[in-house]
Amino acid sequence: MKTLNDKLMLEDILAHLRDLMMASGTAIQHSNCSRMRATVMETSKRTGELQYAVFRYMNDNDMYPIKNCTDQELCACIKMHKC
């Protein structure tokens, strides 16, 4: 049996948080109860904040390296996805 290390555990946490965010989005879209909708929206917000904190920790500790784009690359991406 493979032993989980910090990186594998954090990757698993990110995957579960991603799934929770997707499920929350679906629940929000299909909720007609204002209290339920507000609760799910707040949970979704907190889940997003937690996901970002885990991502930042992983990135800061070289477990989730990302390429920082230039301003030109960012503008090109924004133009490509503008409606």
Protein backbone atom coordinates (compact mmCIF):
# COMPACT_ATOMS: atom_id res chain seq x y z
CA MET A 1 0.00 0.00 0.00
CA LYS A 2 1.32 3.43 -0.93
CA THR A 3 1.90 5.91 1.87
CA LEU A 4 0.31 9.31 1.34
CA ASN A 5 2.60 12.27 1.58
CA ASP A 6 1.60 15.92 2.05
CA LYS A 7 1.44 16.61 -1.69
CA LEU A 8 -0.82 13.64 -2.42
CA MET A 9 -3.13 14.48 0.48
CA LEU A 10 -3.38 18.13 -0.60
CA GLU A 11 -4.06 17.10 -4.21
CA ASP A 12 -6.87 14.89 -2.92
CA ILE A 13 -8.27 17.77 -0.83
CA LEU A 14 -8.19 20.05 -3.91
CA ALA A 15 -10.02 17.42 -5.96
CA HIS A 16 -12.74 17.09 -3.32
CA LEU A 17 -13.07 20.86 -3.00
CA ARG A 18 -13.40 21.11 -6.80
CA ASP A 19 -16.17 18.50 -6.74
CA LEU A 20 -17.90 20.34 -3.89
CA MET A 21 -17.74 23.61 -5.85
CA MET A 22 -19.32 21.95 -8.88
CA ALA A 23 -22.06 20.37 -6.75
CA SER A 24 -22.69 23.70 -5.01
CA GLY A 25 -23.12 25.42 -8.36
CA THR A 26 -25.70 22.85 -9.40
CA ALA A 27 -27.51 23.11 -6.06
CA ILE A 28 -27.65 26.91 -6.33
CA GLN A 29 -29.11 26.73 -9.84
CA HIS A 30 -31.83 24.29 -8.80
CA SER A 31 -32.82 25.79 -5.46
CA ASN A 32 -36.06 27.74 -5.22
CA CYS A 33 -35.85 28.16 -1.41
CA SER A 34 -34.15 31.47 -0.63
CA ARG A 35 -32.74 30.24 2.71
CA MET A 36 -31.31 27.10 1.14
CA ARG A 37 -29.89 29.07 -1.77
CA ALA A 38 -28.22 31.57 0.59
CA THR A 39 -26.77 28.74 2.68
CA VAL A 40 -25.35 26.92 -0.34
CA MET A 41 -23.96 30.19 -1.74
CA GLU A 42 -22.19 30.94 1.56
CA THR A 43 -20.83 27.39 1.71
CA SER A 44 -19.63 27.73 -1.87
CA LYS A 45 -17.86 31.01 -1.03
CA ARG A 46 -16.09 29.44 1.96
CA THR A 47 -15.17 26.38 -0.10
CA GLY A 48 -13.62 28.63 -2.76
CA GLU A 49 -11.62 30.47 -0.11
CA LEU A 50 -10.39 27.18 1.36
CA GLN A 51 -9.50 25.86 -2.10
CA TYR A 52 -7.46 28.99 -2.77
CA ALA A 53 -5.67 28.70 0.59
CA VAL A 54 -4.72 25.09 -0.15
CA PHE A 55 -3.58 26.06 -3.66
CA ARG A 56 -1.47 28.96 -2.33
CA TYR A 57 0.13 26.70 0.30
CA MET A 58 0.96 24.11 -2.35
CA ASN A 59 2.28 26.74 -4.74
CA ASP A 60 4.38 28.40 -2.06
CA ASN A 61 5.90 25.02 -1.17
CA ASP A 62 6.64 23.94 -4.77
CA MET A 63 3.91 21.30 -4.80
CA TYR A 64 1.78 23.05 -7.43
CA PRO A 65 4.03 25.13 -9.66
CA ILE A 66 2.34 27.54 -12.03
CA LYS A 67 3.63 29.65 -14.87
CA ASN A 68 3.09 33.35 -14.33
CA CYS A 69 1.92 34.91 -17.57
CA THR A 70 3.00 38.22 -18.98
CA ASP A 71 0.59 41.14 -19.34
CA GLN A 72 0.54 40.47 -23.09
CA GLU A 73 -0.41 36.81 -22.57
CA LEU A 74 -3.13 37.82 -20.12
CA CYS A 75 -4.61 40.38 -22.54
CA ALA A 76 -4.58 37.80 -25.36
CA CYS A 77 -6.40 35.29 -23.16
CA ILE A 78 -9.01 37.88 -22.10
CA LYS A 79 -9.61 38.88 -25.73
CA MET A 80 -9.96 35.24 -26.77
CA HIS A 81 -12.63 34.55 -24.12
CA LYS A 82 -14.59 37.82 -24.28
CA CYS A 83 -18.21 37.42 -25.24
